[in-house]
Amino acid sequence: MKNKISDFRKAQNLTQRQLAEKVGITYQSLQRYEKGTVLPIVDIAIRLAEALNTTVAELFQFED
């Protein structure tokens, strides 16, 4: 699975810490999500999408 969390975050000029605070997670967790080493649970994926003004489908894409 590929994600665009970092792209959306940078487009909004947010640091990892700022986005993590908006979502209610640690910045270490956000780092893992951005790297793709860990997938967020559905609730966190929804909060990430809302904080970045996008959809979960836009943030996370399955690779072929």
Foldseek 3Di string as FASTA:
>chain_A
DAFCLVVLCVVVPHDLCRLCVQLVHHSVVVVCCNVVVDPDDPSSLQSSCVSSVHHSPRGDDDDD
